[in-house]
Amino acid sequence: GGMVFLLFGIEQWLESNFIVPQLLGKQVDLHPLIVLFAILIGATIMGLPGALVAVPVAAAGLFLAQEFYLKPLNNTDTTDGAT
């Protein structure tokens, strides 16, 4: 009985720390560490509902940061009025 419990615990640990971040990261194009930290932060703040919405929220936040912060910084519009 104890051995089954131990093996189940190891399997759950491996799944939650390695497999799930890899799969979710590929689906939403996020690095697995971002997925892992998003789930941990979401679960810490709001429990299970927070863990469930953490990855979409992180993906949306990253998209908004790229779209409205990083893209304007990378825009090298060097028009100085000279033709």
Protein backbone atom coordinates (compact mmCIF):
# COMPACT_ATOMS: atom_id res chain seq x y z
CA GLY A 1 0.00 0.00 0.00
CA GLY A 2 2.76 2.42 0.90
CA MET A 3 4.71 1.66 -2.27
CA VAL A 4 1.69 2.45 -4.45
CA PHE A 5 1.22 5.74 -2.60
CA LEU A 6 4.91 6.61 -3.08
CA LEU A 7 4.87 5.78 -6.81
CA PHE A 8 1.66 7.76 -7.28
CA GLY A 9 3.23 10.75 -5.54
CA ILE A 10 6.34 10.57 -7.74
CA GLU A 11 4.21 10.31 -10.87
CA GLN A 12 2.13 13.33 -9.86
CA TRP A 13 5.27 15.35 -9.11
CA LEU A 14 6.81 14.50 -12.49
CA GLU A 15 3.59 15.28 -14.32
CA SER A 16 2.96 18.61 -12.65
CA ASN A 17 6.56 19.86 -12.82
CA PHE A 18 7.69 18.62 -16.22
CA ILE A 19 4.99 17.18 -18.48
CA VAL A 20 2.19 19.74 -18.02
CA PRO A 21 4.42 22.83 -18.49
CA GLN A 22 5.91 21.29 -21.66
CA LEU A 23 2.48 20.54 -23.16
CA LEU A 24 0.86 23.83 -22.19
CA GLY A 25 3.92 25.81 -23.28
CA LYS A 26 3.77 24.31 -26.76
CA GLN A 27 0.04 25.01 -27.09
CA VAL A 28 0.25 28.68 -26.12
CA ASP A 29 3.82 29.28 -27.33
CA LEU A 30 5.25 30.03 -23.88
CA HIS A 31 8.47 28.80 -22.32
CA PRO A 32 7.79 25.90 -19.90
CA LEU A 33 9.26 27.86 -16.96
CA ILE A 34 6.80 30.70 -17.58
CA VAL A 35 3.98 28.14 -17.59
CA LEU A 36 5.25 26.54 -14.36
CA PHE A 37 5.63 29.87 -12.56
CA ALA A 38 2.25 31.09 -13.83
CA ILE A 39 0.53 27.98 -12.48
CA LEU A 40 2.36 28.25 -9.14
CA ILE A 41 1.54 31.94 -8.75
CA GLY A 42 -2.07 31.45 -9.82
CA ALA A 43 -2.51 28.55 -7.40
CA THR A 44 -0.91 30.52 -4.57
CA ILE A 45 -3.12 33.54 -5.09
CA MET A 46 -6.48 31.93 -5.94
CA GLY A 47 -6.10 28.18 -5.42
CA LEU A 48 -7.40 25.79 -8.08
CA PRO A 49 -9.30 28.44 -10.09
CA GLY A 50 -6.15 30.55 -10.18
CA ALA A 51 -4.09 27.62 -11.42
CA LEU A 52 -6.61 26.97 -14.18
CA VAL A 53 -6.63 30.52 -15.54
CA ALA A 54 -2.95 31.28 -14.92
CA VAL A 55 -1.59 30.15 -18.28
CA PRO A 56 -4.13 32.04 -20.44
CA VAL A 57 -3.62 35.15 -18.30
CA ALA A 58 0.18 34.84 -18.64
CA ALA A 59 -0.13 34.37 -22.41
CA ALA A 60 -2.41 37.41 -22.70
CA GLY A 61 -0.08 39.50 -20.55
CA LEU A 62 2.94 38.49 -22.62
CA PHE A 63 1.07 39.27 -25.85
CA LEU A 64 0.06 42.72 -24.57
CA ALA A 65 3.60 43.46 -23.41
CA GLN A 66 5.01 42.51 -26.80
CA GLU A 67 2.34 44.38 -28.71
CA PHE A 68 2.28 47.66 -26.77
CA TYR A 69 5.69 47.87 -25.09
CA LEU A 70 8.29 45.89 -27.00
CA LYS A 71 7.01 46.56 -30.51
CA PRO A 72 7.16 50.37 -30.11
CA LEU A 73 10.69 50.05 -28.68
CA ASN A 74 11.79 47.99 -31.68
CA ASN A 75 10.20 50.38 -34.16
CA THR A 76 13.21 52.16 -35.55
CA ASP A 77 11.43 54.86 -37.50
CA THR A 78 14.31 57.16 -38.40
CA THR A 79 12.42 59.66 -40.51
CA ASP A 80 13.87 63.01 -39.61
CA GLY A 81 12.14 65.02 -42.31
CA ALA A 82 14.96 64.64 -44.83
CA THR A 83 14.00 63.33 -48.25
